[in-house]
Amino acid sequence: MNWSEIEAQWEQMKALLASHWHELNEEDIALINGKRDVLAQLLQERYNLGVSQAEDAICAFEKDVRRPGAVK
């Protein structure tokens, strides 16, 4: 699934995102609001990742997402 699909289905994807990255809290998820760049920034802060590491993590998430409600 690509990010535009995730963004379009944001209401369903919020829970999946939260279950994937446990360090993100409800406020973080609300702040992200489907925006990839905000997610990347929060991943850098919460997980102490570099820019490319955060981007790699998001790409891996996109590949892992099969359907809304799927869990890892």
C-alpha atoms as a PDB file:
ATOM      1  CA  MET A   1       0.000   0.000   0.000  1.00  0.00           C
ATOM      2  CA  ASN A   2       1.414   3.407  -0.833  1.00  0.00           C
ATOM      3  CA  TRP A   3       1.191   6.457   1.393  1.00  0.00           C
ATOM      4  CA  SER A   4      -1.557   8.154  -0.616  1.00  0.00           C
ATOM      5  CA  GLU A   5      -3.749   5.096   0.040  1.00  0.00           C
ATOM      6  CA  ILE A   6      -2.859   5.200   3.739  1.00  0.00           C
ATOM      7  CA  GLU A   7      -3.659   8.900   3.880  1.00  0.00           C
ATOM      8  CA  ALA A   8      -6.978   8.372   2.074  1.00  0.00           C
ATOM      9  CA  GLN A   9      -7.928   5.674   4.612  1.00  0.00           C
ATOM     10  CA  TRP A  10      -6.481   7.506   7.592  1.00  0.00           C
ATOM     11  CA  GLU A  11      -9.361   6.835   9.997  1.00  0.00           C
ATOM     12  CA  GLN A  12      -8.893   3.080   9.547  1.00  0.00           C
ATOM     13  CA  MET A  13      -5.105   3.255   9.433  1.00  0.00           C
ATOM     14  CA  LYS A  14      -4.571   5.163  12.713  1.00  0.00           C
ATOM     15  CA  ALA A  15      -4.926   2.061  14.868  1.00  0.00           C
ATOM     16  CA  LEU A  16      -2.609   0.061  12.632  1.00  0.00           C
ATOM     17  CA  LEU A  17      -0.004   2.803  12.752  1.00  0.00           C
ATOM     18  CA  ALA A  18      -0.243   2.956  16.550  1.00  0.00           C
ATOM     19  CA  SER A  19       0.084  -0.827  16.840  1.00  0.00           C
ATOM     20  CA  HIS A  20       3.151  -0.765  14.589  1.00  0.00           C
ATOM     21  CA  TRP A  21       4.967   2.063  16.425  1.00  0.00           C
ATOM     22  CA  HIS A  22       4.236   1.722  20.129  1.00  0.00           C
ATOM     23  CA  GLU A  23       6.178   4.842  21.087  1.00  0.00           C
ATOM     24  CA  LEU A  24       3.636   7.022  19.272  1.00  0.00           C
ATOM     25  CA  ASN A  25       0.851   8.136  21.580  1.00  0.00           C
ATOM     26  CA  GLU A  26      -2.673   9.304  20.772  1.00  0.00           C
ATOM     27  CA  GLU A  27      -1.550  12.928  20.504  1.00  0.00           C
ATOM     28  CA  ASP A  28       1.163  11.925  18.032  1.00  0.00           C
ATOM     29  CA  ILE A  29      -1.323   9.995  15.903  1.00  0.00           C
ATOM     30  CA  ALA A  30      -3.684  12.982  15.901  1.00  0.00           C
ATOM     31  CA  LEU A  31      -0.801  15.277  14.959  1.00  0.00           C
ATOM     32  CA  ILE A  32       0.241  13.016  12.079  1.00  0.00           C
ATOM     33  CA  ASN A  33      -3.278  13.155  10.604  1.00  0.00           C
ATOM     34  CA  GLY A  34      -2.154  11.168   7.557  1.00  0.00           C
ATOM     35  CA  LYS A  35       0.907  13.320   6.833  1.00  0.00           C
ATOM     36  CA  ARG A  36       3.979  11.278   6.020  1.00  0.00           C
ATOM     37  CA  ASP A  37       6.450  14.076   6.785  1.00  0.00           C
ATOM     38  CA  VAL A  38       5.013  14.515  10.286  1.00  0.00           C
ATOM     39  CA  LEU A  39       5.278  10.759  10.874  1.00  0.00           C
ATOM     40  CA  ALA A  40       8.909  10.833   9.725  1.00  0.00           C
ATOM     41  CA  GLN A  41       9.694  13.684  12.123  1.00  0.00           C
ATOM     42  CA  LEU A  42       8.029  11.909  15.044  1.00  0.00           C
ATOM     43  CA  LEU A  43       9.819   8.645  14.278  1.00  0.00           C
ATOM     44  CA  GLN A  44      13.115  10.523  14.342  1.00  0.00           C
ATOM     45  CA  GLU A  45      12.265  12.032  17.720  1.00  0.00           C
ATOM     46  CA  ARG A  46      10.654   9.022  19.440  1.00  0.00           C
ATOM     47  CA  TYR A  47      12.975   6.322  18.105  1.00  0.00           C
ATOM     48  CA  ASN A  48      16.139   8.401  17.714  1.00  0.00           C
ATOM     49  CA  LEU A  49      16.331   7.664  13.992  1.00  0.00           C
ATOM     50  CA  GLY A  50      18.093   9.566  11.276  1.00  0.00           C
ATOM     51  CA  VAL A  51      16.193  10.973   8.311  1.00  0.00           C
ATOM     52  CA  SER A  52      16.963   8.009   6.039  1.00  0.00           C
ATOM     53  CA  GLN A  53      16.226   5.490   8.804  1.00  0.00           C
ATOM     54  CA  ALA A  54      12.806   7.052   9.421  1.00  0.00           C
ATOM     55  CA  GLU A  55      12.079   6.976   5.702  1.00  0.00           C
ATOM     56  CA  ASP A  56      13.157   3.330   5.492  1.00  0.00           C
ATOM     57  CA  ALA A  57      10.867   2.503   8.423  1.00  0.00           C
ATOM     58  CA  ILE A  58       7.916   4.175   6.711  1.00  0.00           C
ATOM     59  CA  CYS A  59       8.644   2.344   3.454  1.00  0.00           C
ATOM     60  CA  ALA A  60       8.756  -0.956   5.339  1.00  0.00           C
ATOM     61  CA  PHE A  61       5.423  -0.095   6.989  1.00  0.00           C
ATOM     62  CA  GLU A  62       3.878   0.629   3.589  1.00  0.00           C
ATOM     63  CA  LYS A  63       5.014  -2.787   2.352  1.00  0.00           C
ATOM     64  CA  ASP A  64       3.728  -4.515   5.490  1.00  0.00           C
ATOM     65  CA  VAL A  65       0.274  -2.964   5.359  1.00  0.00           C
ATOM     66  CA  ARG A  66      -2.107  -5.378   3.753  1.00  0.00           C
ATOM     67  CA  ARG A  67      -5.479  -4.061   4.823  1.00  0.00           C
ATOM     68  CA  PRO A  68      -6.970  -1.801   7.473  1.00  0.00           C
ATOM     69  CA  GLY A  69      -7.057  -3.613  10.782  1.00  0.00           C
ATOM     70  CA  ALA A  70      -4.112  -5.874   9.990  1.00  0.00           C
ATOM     71  CA  VAL A  71      -1.682  -6.302  12.831  1.00  0.00           C
ATOM     72  CA  LYS A  72       1.946  -7.175  12.789  1.00  0.00           C
END
